[in-house]
PDB file of N, CA and C in Angstrom:
ATOM      1  N   MET A   1      -8.795 -12.877 -23.579  1.00  0.00           N
ATOM      2  CA  MET A   1      -8.282 -13.256 -22.284  1.00  0.00           C
ATOM      3  C   MET A   1      -9.095 -12.551 -21.205  1.00  0.00           C
ATOM      4  N   LYS A   2      -9.447 -13.305 -20.167  1.00  0.00           N
ATOM      5  CA  LYS A   2     -10.183 -12.709 -19.060  1.00  0.00           C
ATOM      6  C   LYS A   2      -9.244 -11.907 -18.182  1.00  0.00           C
ATOM      7  N   LYS A   3      -9.757 -10.809 -17.681  1.00  0.00           N
ATOM      8  CA  LYS A   3      -9.001  -9.952 -16.778  1.00  0.00           C
ATOM      9  C   LYS A   3      -8.711 -10.708 -15.484  1.00  0.00           C
ATOM     10  N   ILE A   4      -7.519 -10.518 -14.953  1.00  0.00           N
ATOM     11  CA  ILE A   4      -7.161 -11.113 -13.668  1.00  0.00           C
ATOM     12  C   ILE A   4      -7.766 -10.237 -12.578  1.00  0.00           C
ATOM     13  N   LYS A   5      -8.701 -10.790 -11.837  1.00  0.00           N
ATOM     14  CA  LYS A   5      -9.381 -10.020 -10.798  1.00  0.00           C
ATOM     15  C   LYS A   5      -8.646 -10.094  -9.461  1.00  0.00           C
ATOM     16  N   SER A   6      -8.003 -11.215  -9.204  1.00  0.00           N
ATOM     17  CA  SER A   6      -7.327 -11.432  -7.933  1.00  0.00           C
ATOM     18  C   SER A   6      -5.963 -10.745  -7.917  1.00  0.00           C
ATOM     19  N   LYS A   7      -5.758  -9.890  -6.926  1.00  0.00           N
ATOM     20  CA  LYS A   7      -4.463  -9.219  -6.793  1.00  0.00           C
ATOM     21  C   LYS A   7      -3.361 -10.218  -6.444  1.00  0.00           C
ATOM     22  N   SER A   8      -3.680 -11.264  -5.683  1.00  0.00           N
ATOM     23  CA  SER A   8      -2.658 -12.251  -5.332  1.00  0.00           C
ATOM     24  C   SER A   8      -2.222 -13.047  -6.560  1.00  0.00           C
ATOM     25  N   VAL A   9      -3.157 -13.370  -7.446  1.00  0.00           N
ATOM     26  CA  VAL A   9      -2.803 -14.062  -8.689  1.00  0.00           C
ATOM     27  C   VAL A   9      -1.946 -13.140  -9.546  1.00  0.00           C
ATOM     28  N   GLN A  10      -2.369 -11.903  -9.701  1.00  0.00           N
ATOM     29  CA  GLN A  10      -1.618 -10.922 -10.485  1.00  0.00           C
ATOM     30  C   GLN A  10      -0.193 -10.794  -9.946  1.00  0.00           C
ATOM     31  N   SER A  11      -0.053 -10.660  -8.649  1.00  0.00           N
ATOM     32  CA  SER A  11       1.271 -10.519  -8.035  1.00  0.00           C
ATOM     33  C   SER A  11       2.123 -11.758  -8.258  1.00  0.00           C
ATOM     34  N   TYR A  12       1.519 -12.926  -8.075  1.00  0.00           N
ATOM     35  CA  TYR A  12       2.263 -14.174  -8.202  1.00  0.00           C
ATOM     36  C   TYR A  12       2.800 -14.380  -9.610  1.00  0.00           C
ATOM     37  N   VAL A  13       1.957 -14.201 -10.606  1.00  0.00           N
ATOM     38  CA  VAL A  13       2.378 -14.499 -11.974  1.00  0.00           C
ATOM     39  C   VAL A  13       3.352 -13.453 -12.522  1.00  0.00           C
ATOM     40  N   MET A  14       3.386 -12.271 -11.940  1.00  0.00           N
ATOM     41  CA  MET A  14       4.276 -11.224 -12.429  1.00  0.00           C
ATOM     42  C   MET A  14       5.595 -11.163 -11.639  1.00  0.00           C
ATOM     43  N   ASP A  15       5.747 -11.995 -10.631  1.00  0.00           N
ATOM     44  CA  ASP A  15       6.905 -11.952  -9.738  1.00  0.00           C
ATOM     45  C   ASP A  15       7.954 -12.992 -10.141  1.00  0.00           C
ATOM     46  N   ASP A  16       9.152 -12.520 -10.515  1.00  0.00           N
ATOM     47  CA  ASP A  16      10.244 -13.441 -10.851  1.00  0.00           C
ATOM     48  C   ASP A  16      10.723 -14.233  -9.644  1.00  0.00           C
ATOM     49  N   MET A  17      10.475 -13.722  -8.470  1.00  0.00           N
ATOM     50  CA  MET A  17      10.941 -14.386  -7.252  1.00  0.00           C
ATOM     51  C   MET A  17       9.870 -15.288  -6.623  1.00  0.00           C
ATOM     52  N   ALA A  18       8.766 -15.500  -7.318  1.00  0.00           N
ATOM     53  CA  ALA A  18       7.689 -16.341  -6.783  1.00  0.00           C
ATOM     54  C   ALA A  18       8.189 -17.769  -6.596  1.00  0.00           C
ATOM     55  N   TRP A  19       7.688 -18.407  -5.569  1.00  0.00           N
ATOM     56  CA  TRP A  19       8.060 -19.796  -5.299  1.00  0.00           C
ATOM     57  C   TRP A  19       7.589 -20.692  -6.429  1.00  0.00           C
ATOM     58  N   LYS A  20       8.444 -21.648  -6.745  1.00  0.00           N
ATOM     59  CA  LYS A  20       8.116 -22.647  -7.764  1.00  0.00           C
ATOM     60  C   LYS A  20       8.296 -24.020  -7.139  1.00  0.00           C
ATOM     61  N   VAL A  21       7.446 -24.957  -7.516  1.00  0.00           N
ATOM     62  CA  VAL A  21       7.520 -26.325  -7.012  1.00  0.00           C
ATOM     63  C   VAL A  21       7.376 -27.266  -8.196  1.00  0.00           C
ATOM     64  N   ASP A  22       8.357 -28.131  -8.384  1.00  0.00           N
ATOM     65  CA  ASP A  22       8.233 -29.158  -9.412  1.00  0.00           C
ATOM     66  C   ASP A  22       7.395 -30.267  -8.792  1.00  0.00           C
ATOM     67  N   LEU A  23       6.091 -30.114  -8.889  1.00  0.00           N
ATOM     68  CA  LEU A  23       5.160 -31.001  -8.196  1.00  0.00           C
ATOM     69  C   LEU A  23       5.338 -32.477  -8.565  1.00  0.00           C
ATOM     70  N   PRO A  24       5.456 -32.833  -9.842  1.00  0.00           N
ATOM     71  CA  PRO A  24       5.670 -34.257 -10.151  1.00  0.00           C
ATOM     72  C   PRO A  24       6.935 -34.828  -9.519  1.00  0.00           C
ATOM     73  N   ARG A  25       8.022 -34.074  -9.574  1.00  0.00           N
ATOM     74  CA  ARG A  25       9.284 -34.539  -8.975  1.00  0.00           C
ATOM     75  C   ARG A  25       9.166 -34.616  -7.452  1.00  0.00           C
ATOM     76  N   PHE A  26       8.498 -33.645  -6.863  1.00  0.00           N
ATOM     77  CA  PHE A  26       8.295 -33.619  -5.413  1.00  0.00           C
ATOM     78  C   PHE A  26       7.509 -34.847  -4.945  1.00  0.00           C
ATOM     79  N   LEU A  27       6.412 -35.145  -5.645  1.00  0.00           N
ATOM     80  CA  LEU A  27       5.600 -36.309  -5.264  1.00  0.00           C
ATOM     81  C   LEU A  27       6.375 -37.604  -5.456  1.00  0.00           C
ATOM     82  N   LYS A  28       7.160 -37.679  -6.523  1.00  0.00           N
ATOM     83  CA  LYS A  28       7.978 -38.873  -6.763  1.00  0.00           C
ATOM     84  C   LYS A  28       8.994 -39.053  -5.637  1.00  0.00           C
ATOM     85  N   GLU A  29       9.624 -37.974  -5.236  1.00  0.00           N
ATOM     86  CA  GLU A  29      10.611 -38.044  -4.161  1.00  0.00           C
ATOM     87  C   GLU A  29       9.969 -38.491  -2.850  1.00  0.00           C
ATOM     88  N   ILE A  30       8.802 -37.970  -2.541  1.00  0.00           N
ATOM     89  CA  ILE A  30       8.104 -38.379  -1.314  1.00  0.00           C
ATOM     90  C   ILE A  30       7.795 -39.867  -1.353  1.00  0.00           C
ATOM     91  N   SER A  31       7.257 -40.323  -2.475  1.00  0.00           N
ATOM     92  CA  SER A  31       6.869 -41.738  -2.551  1.00  0.00           C
ATOM     93  C   SER A  31       8.083 -42.655  -2.498  1.00  0.00           C
ATOM     94  N   GLU A  32       9.201 -42.247  -3.091  1.00  0.00           N
ATOM     95  CA  GLU A  32      10.402 -43.082  -3.060  1.00  0.00           C
ATOM     96  C   GLU A  32      11.075 -43.090  -1.696  1.00  0.00           C
ATOM     97  N   CYS A  33      10.953 -42.009  -0.956  1.00  0.00           N
ATOM     98  CA  CYS A  33      11.598 -41.912   0.361  1.00  0.00           C
ATOM     99  C   CYS A  33      10.705 -42.425   1.483  1.00  0.00           C
ATOM    100  N   SER A  34       9.471 -42.716   1.194  1.00  0.00           N
ATOM    101  CA  SER A  34       8.513 -43.173   2.214  1.00  0.00           C
ATOM    102  C   SER A  34       8.097 -44.607   1.908  1.00  0.00           C
ATOM    103  N   ILE A  35       9.049 -45.486   1.954  1.00  0.00           N
ATOM    104  CA  ILE A  35       8.806 -46.878   1.581  1.00  0.00           C
ATOM    105  C   ILE A  35       7.751 -47.545   2.468  1.00  0.00           C
ATOM    106  N   ASN A  36       7.719 -47.218   3.744  1.00  0.00           N
ATOM    107  CA  ASN A  36       6.796 -47.863   4.680  1.00  0.00           C
ATOM    108  C   ASN A  36       5.399 -47.246   4.697  1.00  0.00           C
ATOM    109  N   VAL A  37       5.192 -46.185   3.925  1.00  0.00           N
ATOM    110  CA  VAL A  37       3.897 -45.509   3.907  1.00  0.00           C
ATOM    111  C   VAL A  37       3.263 -45.710   2.522  1.00  0.00           C
ATOM    112  N   PRO A  38       2.002 -46.131   2.485  1.00  0.00           N
ATOM    113  CA  PRO A  38       1.366 -46.439   1.196  1.00  0.00           C
ATOM    114  C   PRO A  38       0.863 -45.211   0.446  1.00  0.00           C
ATOM    115  N   TYR A  39       1.793 -44.382  -0.035  1.00  0.00           N
ATOM    116  CA  TYR A  39       1.413 -43.199  -0.796  1.00  0.00           C
ATOM    117  C   TYR A  39       1.083 -43.517  -2.252  1.00  0.00           C
ATOM    118  N   GLY A  40       1.517 -44.647  -2.738  1.00  0.00           N
ATOM    119  CA  GLY A  40       1.405 -44.972  -4.159  1.00  0.00           C
ATOM    120  C   GLY A  40       0.033 -44.725  -4.758  1.00  0.00           C
ATOM    121  N   ALA A  41      -1.004 -45.304  -4.161  1.00  0.00           N
ATOM    122  CA  ALA A  41      -2.360 -45.173  -4.704  1.00  0.00           C
ATOM    123  C   ALA A  41      -2.832 -43.720  -4.664  1.00  0.00           C
ATOM    124  N   SER A  42      -2.568 -43.053  -3.564  1.00  0.00           N
ATOM    125  CA  SER A  42      -2.979 -41.649  -3.433  1.00  0.00           C
ATOM    126  C   SER A  42      -2.301 -40.784  -4.482  1.00  0.00           C
ATOM    127  N   PHE A  43      -1.016 -41.018  -4.702  1.00  0.00           N
ATOM    128  CA  PHE A  43      -0.282 -40.210  -5.673  1.00  0.00           C
ATOM    129  C   PHE A  43      -0.699 -40.534  -7.104  1.00  0.00           C
ATOM    130  N   ARG A  44      -1.060 -41.774  -7.377  1.00  0.00           N
ATOM    131  CA  ARG A  44      -1.560 -42.115  -8.717  1.00  0.00           C
ATOM    132  C   ARG A  44      -2.876 -41.378  -8.995  1.00  0.00           C
ATOM    133  N   ILE A  45      -3.745 -41.346  -8.000  1.00  0.00           N
ATOM    134  CA  ILE A  45      -5.019 -40.623  -8.151  1.00  0.00           C
ATOM    135  C   ILE A  45      -4.752 -39.134  -8.332  1.00  0.00           C
ATOM    136  N   LEU A  46      -3.863 -38.589  -7.516  1.00  0.00           N
ATOM    137  CA  LEU A  46      -3.517 -37.174  -7.634  1.00  0.00           C
ATOM    138  C   LEU A  46      -2.910 -36.886  -9.002  1.00  0.00           C
ATOM    139  N   ALA A  47      -2.060 -37.768  -9.493  1.00  0.00           N
ATOM    140  CA  ALA A  47      -1.456 -37.587 -10.820  1.00  0.00           C
ATOM    141  C   ALA A  47      -2.518 -37.564 -11.910  1.00  0.00           C
ATOM    142  N   GLN A  48      -3.525 -38.422 -11.793  1.00  0.00           N
ATOM    143  CA  GLN A  48      -4.608 -38.437 -12.778  1.00  0.00           C
ATOM    144  C   GLN A  48      -5.380 -37.118 -12.756  1.00  0.00           C
ATOM    145  N   ILE A  49      -5.653 -36.619 -11.563  1.00  0.00           N
ATOM    146  CA  ILE A  49      -6.372 -35.351 -11.439  1.00  0.00           C
ATOM    147  C   ILE A  49      -5.523 -34.203 -11.979  1.00  0.00           C
ATOM    148  N   LEU A  50      -4.225 -34.221 -11.683  1.00  0.00           N
ATOM    149  CA  LEU A  50      -3.344 -33.175 -12.196  1.00  0.00           C
ATOM    150  C   LEU A  50      -3.237 -33.228 -13.718  1.00  0.00           C
ATOM    151  N   ASN A  51      -3.300 -34.423 -14.288  1.00  0.00           N
ATOM    152  CA  ASN A  51      -3.304 -34.542 -15.749  1.00  0.00           C
ATOM    153  C   ASN A  51      -4.554 -33.908 -16.351  1.00  0.00           C
ATOM    154  N   VAL A  52      -5.696 -34.121 -15.707  1.00  0.00           N
ATOM    155  CA  VAL A  52      -6.941 -33.510 -16.167  1.00  0.00           C
ATOM    156  C   VAL A  52      -6.841 -31.985 -16.044  1.00  0.00           C
ATOM    157  N   LEU A  53      -6.313 -31.522 -14.921  1.00  0.00           N
ATOM    158  CA  LEU A  53      -6.117 -30.086 -14.716  1.00  0.00           C
ATOM    159  C   LEU A  53      -5.207 -29.507 -15.793  1.00  0.00           C
ATOM    160  N   THR A  54      -4.134 -30.201 -16.100  1.00  0.00           N
ATOM    161  CA  THR A  54      -3.195 -29.741 -17.125  1.00  0.00           C
ATOM    162  C   THR A  54      -3.864 -29.667 -18.487  1.00  0.00           C
ATOM    163  N   GLU A  55      -4.632 -30.706 -18.830  1.00  0.00           N
ATOM    164  CA  GLU A  55      -5.348 -30.690 -20.117  1.00  0.00           C
ATOM    165  C   GLU A  55      -6.306 -29.504 -20.201  1.00  0.00           C
ATOM    166  N   ARG A  56      -7.014 -29.254 -19.117  1.00  0.00           N
ATOM    167  CA  ARG A  56      -7.975 -28.139 -19.121  1.00  0.00           C
ATOM    168  C   ARG A  56      -7.246 -26.803 -19.216  1.00  0.00           C
ATOM    169  N   ALA A  57      -6.147 -26.672 -18.509  1.00  0.00           N
ATOM    170  CA  ALA A  57      -5.383 -25.428 -18.564  1.00  0.00           C
ATOM    171  C   ALA A  57      -4.869 -25.173 -19.981  1.00  0.00           C
ATOM    172  N   ILE A  58      -4.455 -26.241 -20.664  1.00  0.00           N
ATOM    173  CA  ILE A  58      -4.001 -26.103 -22.047  1.00  0.00           C
ATOM    174  C   ILE A  58      -5.164 -25.664 -22.936  1.00  0.00           C
ATOM    175  N   GLU A  59      -6.350 -26.237 -22.713  1.00  0.00           N
ATOM    176  CA  GLU A  59      -7.535 -25.840 -23.490  1.00  0.00           C
ATOM    177  C   GLU A  59      -7.881 -24.373 -23.270  1.00  0.00           C
ATOM    178  N   ILE A  60      -7.827 -23.936 -22.027  1.00  0.00           N
ATOM    179  CA  ILE A  60      -8.177 -22.551 -21.694  1.00  0.00           C
ATOM    180  C   ILE A  60      -7.126 -21.589 -22.244  1.00  0.00           C
ATOM    181  N   ASN A  61      -5.857 -21.972 -22.136  1.00  0.00           N
ATOM    182  CA  ASN A  61      -4.731 -21.190 -22.650  1.00  0.00           C
ATOM    183  C   ASN A  61      -4.729 -19.763 -22.113  1.00  0.00           C
ATOM    184  N   ASP A  62      -4.880 -19.628 -20.816  1.00  0.00           N
ATOM    185  CA  ASP A  62      -4.831 -18.325 -20.149  1.00  0.00           C
ATOM    186  C   ASP A  62      -3.392 -18.055 -19.715  1.00  0.00           C
ATOM    187  N   PRO A  63      -2.827 -16.903 -20.052  1.00  0.00           N
ATOM    188  CA  PRO A  63      -1.428 -16.631 -19.706  1.00  0.00           C
ATOM    189  C   PRO A  63      -1.107 -16.769 -18.220  1.00  0.00           C
ATOM    190  N   ALA A  64      -1.949 -16.245 -17.354  1.00  0.00           N
ATOM    191  CA  ALA A  64      -1.684 -16.346 -15.913  1.00  0.00           C
ATOM    192  C   ALA A  64      -1.728 -17.802 -15.456  1.00  0.00           C
ATOM    193  N   LEU A  65      -2.723 -18.542 -15.915  1.00  0.00           N
ATOM    194  CA  LEU A  65      -2.827 -19.953 -15.558  1.00  0.00           C
ATOM    195  C   LEU A  65      -1.635 -20.734 -16.103  1.00  0.00           C
ATOM    196  N   ASN A  66      -1.188 -20.390 -17.297  1.00  0.00           N
ATOM    197  CA  ASN A  66      -0.031 -21.077 -17.875  1.00  0.00           C
ATOM    198  C   ASN A  66       1.224 -20.848 -17.039  1.00  0.00           C
ATOM    199  N   ILE A  67       1.404 -19.645 -16.532  1.00  0.00           N
ATOM    200  CA  ILE A  67       2.561 -19.363 -15.669  1.00  0.00           C
ATOM    201  C   ILE A  67       2.475 -20.194 -14.394  1.00  0.00           C
ATOM    202  N   ILE A  68       1.301 -20.235 -13.785  1.00  0.00           N
ATOM    203  CA  ILE A  68       1.126 -21.021 -12.559  1.00  0.00           C
ATOM    204  C   ILE A  68       1.422 -22.497 -12.824  1.00  0.00           C
ATOM    205  N   MET A  69       0.909 -23.014 -13.926  1.00  0.00           N
ATOM    206  CA  MET A  69       1.136 -24.421 -14.268  1.00  0.00           C
ATOM    207  C   MET A  69       2.623 -24.682 -14.517  1.00  0.00           C
ATOM    208  N   MET A  70       3.308 -23.724 -15.122  1.00  0.00           N
ATOM    209  CA  MET A  70       4.749 -23.871 -15.327  1.00  0.00           C
ATOM    210  C   MET A  70       5.483 -23.866 -13.998  1.00  0.00           C
ATOM    211  N   HIS A  71       5.066 -22.995 -13.080  1.00  0.00           N
ATOM    212  CA  HIS A  71       5.713 -22.936 -11.763  1.00  0.00           C
ATOM    213  C   HIS A  71       5.486 -24.219 -10.965  1.00  0.00           C
ATOM    214  N   LEU A  72       4.419 -24.925 -11.267  1.00  0.00           N
ATOM    215  CA  LEU A  72       4.160 -26.204 -10.603  1.00  0.00           C
ATOM    216  C   LEU A  72       4.829 -27.374 -11.319  1.00  0.00           C
ATOM    217  N   GLY A  73       5.465 -27.098 -12.444  1.00  0.00           N
ATOM    218  CA  GLY A  73       6.144 -28.149 -13.191  1.00  0.00           C
ATOM    219  C   GLY A  73       5.190 -29.085 -13.902  1.00  0.00           C
ATOM    220  N   LEU A  74       3.986 -28.617 -14.198  1.00  0.00           N
ATOM    221  CA  LEU A  74       2.971 -29.479 -14.789  1.00  0.00           C
ATOM    222  C   LEU A  74       2.934 -29.426 -16.314  1.00  0.00           C
ATOM    223  N   TYR A  75       3.726 -28.550 -16.914  1.00  0.00           N
ATOM    224  CA  TYR A  75       3.834 -28.507 -18.373  1.00  0.00           C
ATOM    225  C   TYR A  75       5.178 -29.089 -18.779  1.00  0.00           C
ATOM    226  N   GLU A  76       5.181 -29.815 -19.885  1.00  0.00           N
ATOM    227  CA  GLU A  76       6.448 -30.302 -20.415  1.00  0.00           C
ATOM    228  C   GLU A  76       7.284 -29.112 -20.855  1.00  0.00           C
ATOM    229  N   GLY A  77       8.586 -29.242 -20.695  1.00  0.00           N
ATOM    230  CA  GLY A  77       9.497 -28.199 -21.141  1.00  0.00           C
ATOM    231  C   GLY A  77       9.723 -27.083 -20.148  1.00  0.00           C
ATOM    232  N   VAL A  78       9.182 -27.212 -18.936  1.00  0.00           N
ATOM    233  CA  VAL A  78       9.356 -26.126 -17.969  1.00  0.00           C
ATOM    234  C   VAL A  78      10.798 -26.011 -17.486  1.00  0.00           C
ATOM    235  N   HIS A  79      11.592 -27.019 -17.742  1.00  0.00           N
ATOM    236  CA  HIS A  79      13.000 -26.970 -17.336  1.00  0.00           C
ATOM    237  C   HIS A  79      13.904 -26.625 -18.512  1.00  0.00           C
ATOM    238  N   ASP A  80      13.311 -26.361 -19.674  1.00  0.00           N
ATOM    239  CA  ASP A  80      14.093 -25.972 -20.846  1.00  0.00           C
ATOM    240  C   ASP A  80      14.695 -24.587 -20.634  1.00  0.00           C
ATOM    241  N   LYS A  81      15.705 -24.305 -21.418  1.00  0.00           N
ATOM    242  CA  LYS A  81      16.385 -23.014 -21.329  1.00  0.00           C
ATOM    243  C   LYS A  81      15.455 -21.848 -21.647  1.00  0.00           C
ATOM    244  N   ASN A  82      14.485 -22.084 -22.521  1.00  0.00           N
ATOM    245  CA  ASN A  82      13.624 -20.983 -22.964  1.00  0.00           C
ATOM    246  C   ASN A  82      12.382 -20.796 -22.097  1.00  0.00           C
ATOM    247  N   ALA A  83      12.260 -21.527 -20.997  1.00  0.00           N
ATOM    248  CA  ALA A  83      11.073 -21.400 -20.142  1.00  0.00           C
ATOM    249  C   ALA A  83      10.910 -19.971 -19.628  1.00  0.00           C
ATOM    250  N   SER A  84      12.009 -19.335 -19.245  1.00  0.00           N
ATOM    251  CA  SER A  84      11.911 -17.957 -18.743  1.00  0.00           C
ATOM    252  C   SER A  84      11.466 -17.005 -19.850  1.00  0.00           C
ATOM    253  N   GLU A  85      11.846 -17.294 -21.091  1.00  0.00           N
ATOM    254  CA  GLU A  85      11.397 -16.475 -22.216  1.00  0.00           C
ATOM    255  C   GLU A  85       9.898 -16.643 -22.445  1.00  0.00           C
ATOM    256  N   VAL A  86       9.420 -17.879 -22.300  1.00  0.00           N
ATOM    257  CA  VAL A  86       7.985 -18.144 -22.457  1.00  0.00           C
ATOM    258  C   VAL A  86       7.210 -17.385 -21.386  1.00  0.00           C
ATOM    259  N   ILE A  87       7.701 -17.423 -20.157  1.00  0.00           N
ATOM    260  CA  ILE A  87       7.041 -16.704 -19.063  1.00  0.00           C
ATOM    261  C   ILE A  87       7.060 -15.202 -19.341  1.00  0.00           C
ATOM    262  N   ALA A  88       8.162 -14.688 -19.842  1.00  0.00           N
ATOM    263  CA  ALA A  88       8.241 -13.256 -20.167  1.00  0.00           C
ATOM    264  C   ALA A  88       7.203 -12.885 -21.234  1.00  0.00           C
ATOM    265  N   GLN A  89       7.034 -13.739 -22.238  1.00  0.00           N
ATOM    266  CA  GLN A  89       6.033 -13.479 -23.276  1.00  0.00           C
ATOM    267  C   GLN A  89       4.621 -13.521 -22.703  1.00  0.00           C
ATOM    268  N   LEU A  90       4.373 -14.471 -21.810  1.00  0.00           N
ATOM    269  CA  LEU A  90       3.055 -14.555 -21.183  1.00  0.00           C
ATOM    270  C   LEU A  90       2.777 -13.304 -20.345  1.00  0.00           C
ATOM    271  N   ARG A  91       3.801 -12.819 -19.647  1.00  0.00           N
ATOM    272  CA  ARG A  91       3.637 -11.600 -18.841  1.00  0.00           C
ATOM    273  C   ARG A  91       3.350 -10.398 -19.730  1.00  0.00           C
ATOM    274  N   LYS A  92       3.960 -10.343 -20.906  1.00  0.00           N
ATOM    275  CA  LYS A  92       3.677  -9.240 -21.835  1.00  0.00           C
ATOM    276  C   LYS A  92       2.211  -9.263 -22.256  1.00  0.00           C
ATOM    277  N   LEU A  93       1.667 -10.466 -22.481  1.00  0.00           N
ATOM    278  CA  LEU A  93       0.246 -10.578 -22.823  1.00  0.00           C
ATOM    279  C   LEU A  93      -0.628 -10.070 -21.680  1.00  0.00           C
ATOM    280  N   ILE A  94      -0.244 -10.438 -20.456  1.00  0.00           N
ATOM    281  CA  ILE A  94      -1.000  -9.984 -19.278  1.00  0.00           C
ATOM    282  C   ILE A  94      -0.919  -8.466 -19.163  1.00  0.00           C
ATOM    283  N   ASP A  95       0.291  -7.912 -19.325  1.00  0.00           N
ATOM    284  CA  ASP A  95       0.471  -6.456 -19.257  1.00  0.00           C
ATOM    285  C   ASP A  95      -0.333  -5.751 -20.336  1.00  0.00           C
ATOM    286  N   ALA A  96      -0.289  -6.287 -21.552  1.00  0.00           N
ATOM    287  CA  ALA A  96      -1.028  -5.669 -22.661  1.00  0.00           C
ATOM    288  C   ALA A  96      -2.519  -5.668 -22.374  1.00  0.00           C
ATOM    289  N   ASP A  97      -3.015  -6.783 -21.829  1.00  0.00           N
ATOM    290  CA  ASP A  97      -4.436  -6.863 -21.511  1.00  0.00           C
ATOM    291  C   ASP A  97      -4.785  -5.896 -20.387  1.00  0.00           C
ATOM    292  N   THR A  98      -3.918  -5.790 -19.382  1.00  0.00           N
ATOM    293  CA  THR A  98      -4.153  -4.875 -18.275  1.00  0.00           C
ATOM    294  C   THR A  98      -4.164  -3.437 -18.787  1.00  0.00           C
ATOM    295  N   ASN A  99      -3.219  -3.116 -19.658  1.00  0.00           N
ATOM    296  CA  ASN A  99      -3.159  -1.753 -20.214  1.00  0.00           C
ATOM    297  C   ASN A  99      -4.378  -1.457 -21.084  1.00  0.00           C
ATOM    298  N   ASN A 100      -4.879  -2.451 -21.814  1.00  0.00           N
ATOM    299  CA  ASN A 100      -6.088  -2.253 -22.623  1.00  0.00           C
ATOM    300  C   ASN A 100      -7.296  -1.996 -21.739  1.00  0.00           C
ATOM    301  N   GLU A 101      -7.361  -2.675 -20.594  1.00  0.00           N
ATOM    302  CA  GLU A 101      -8.465  -2.462 -19.650  1.00  0.00           C
ATOM    303  C   GLU A 101      -8.451  -1.033 -19.143  1.00  0.00           C
ATOM    304  N   ILE A 102      -7.255  -0.505 -18.869  1.00  0.00           N
ATOM    305  CA  ILE A 102      -7.135   0.852 -18.348  1.00  0.00           C
ATOM    306  C   ILE A 102      -7.550   1.858 -19.418  1.00  0.00           C
ATOM    307  N   VAL A 103      -7.120   1.636 -20.653  1.00  0.00           N
ATOM    308  CA  VAL A 103      -7.446   2.555 -21.764  1.00  0.00           C
ATOM    309  C   VAL A 103      -8.937   2.558 -22.032  1.00  0.00           C
ATOM    310  N   GLU A 104      -9.583   1.408 -21.950  1.00  0.00           N
ATOM    311  CA  GLU A 104     -11.015   1.327 -22.243  1.00  0.00           C
ATOM    312  C   GLU A 104     -11.867   2.055 -21.221  1.00  0.00           C
ATOM    313  N   HIS A 105     -11.377   2.182 -20.001  1.00  0.00           N
ATOM    314  CA  HIS A 105     -12.173   2.854 -18.969  1.00  0.00           C
ATOM    315  C   HIS A 105     -11.969   4.306 -19.111  1.00  0.00           C
TER     316      HIS A 105
END
């Protein structure tokens, strides 16, 4: 796992109170409530790009990136009961890696 260099990323992924946005649901709500505005094509393109981003994030399998993707609602199962447990496990991996970096120096 690569070390998290950005303090803002580190803070965000380790914060239980960080803002979360269910991006797919949010975009769906906007498009359904904006009948007179042609968001459909734009949102379809954005959805395709987000799908590519999600696939790449899964390939990379970085704990911090996985937390961010979960907070954006881009992974299946983010609304499951065990999502907070998954995030806790990912944070332990981040902490372990951070502690290993400190020990190595």
